[in-house]
Amino acid sequence: MRTTLAADAQIGTVLFEVTRVIDRARLVRYAGASGDFNPIHYSDRVATEVGLGGVIAHGMLTMGLAGAALTDWLGDPADLLSYGVRFTRPVPVPDPGEVALTIVARIGAIEADDSADSADSADSGPVPTARIDLAVTLAGKAVLGKAQARVRLT
């Protein structure tokens, strides 16, 4: 959970670094929750036939794990104003076994944004916000590109 972000936030500051593990059981649970039952996420035979090296994690699962790490750190999910990523590399998930994603959050920019969605922004002026850059890697290689979030500084 966040300890500080407001007045002393500086561009480049690392906010947190966490690891999130993905195994086949997690893929099954995510498929059930999301309704994405594409066989490339559970069948090595199908994944191999379409040119993948094996089963891969859902891109939205990877994105969600990084976003959840950020909202866990923020403490209040309402402080997350926007979030977007580009899927740059598949995340192969072995069977048996697991993979560990490393997520590092760093302050990319600090700005005052009068368009930020805040219930009290109309009364108090522009809302100070920060762009948070998330580096999401597997074995040192980026799996998400331009993973950026805009958060409210409080």
Foldseek 3Di string as FASTA:
>chain_A
DFDADADPHDAFDWGDKDKDKDALVVQVVVCVVVVPPDCLQPAQVVVVVVPHNGRFHDPVVLLVVLLVVVCVHVVHVLQWQDKDWAFDATHDHDVPDMFMKMKIKGFHAKDFALVGDDPCCVPVPTFIKTKIAIAIDTPPHGRIHRTIIIGTHD
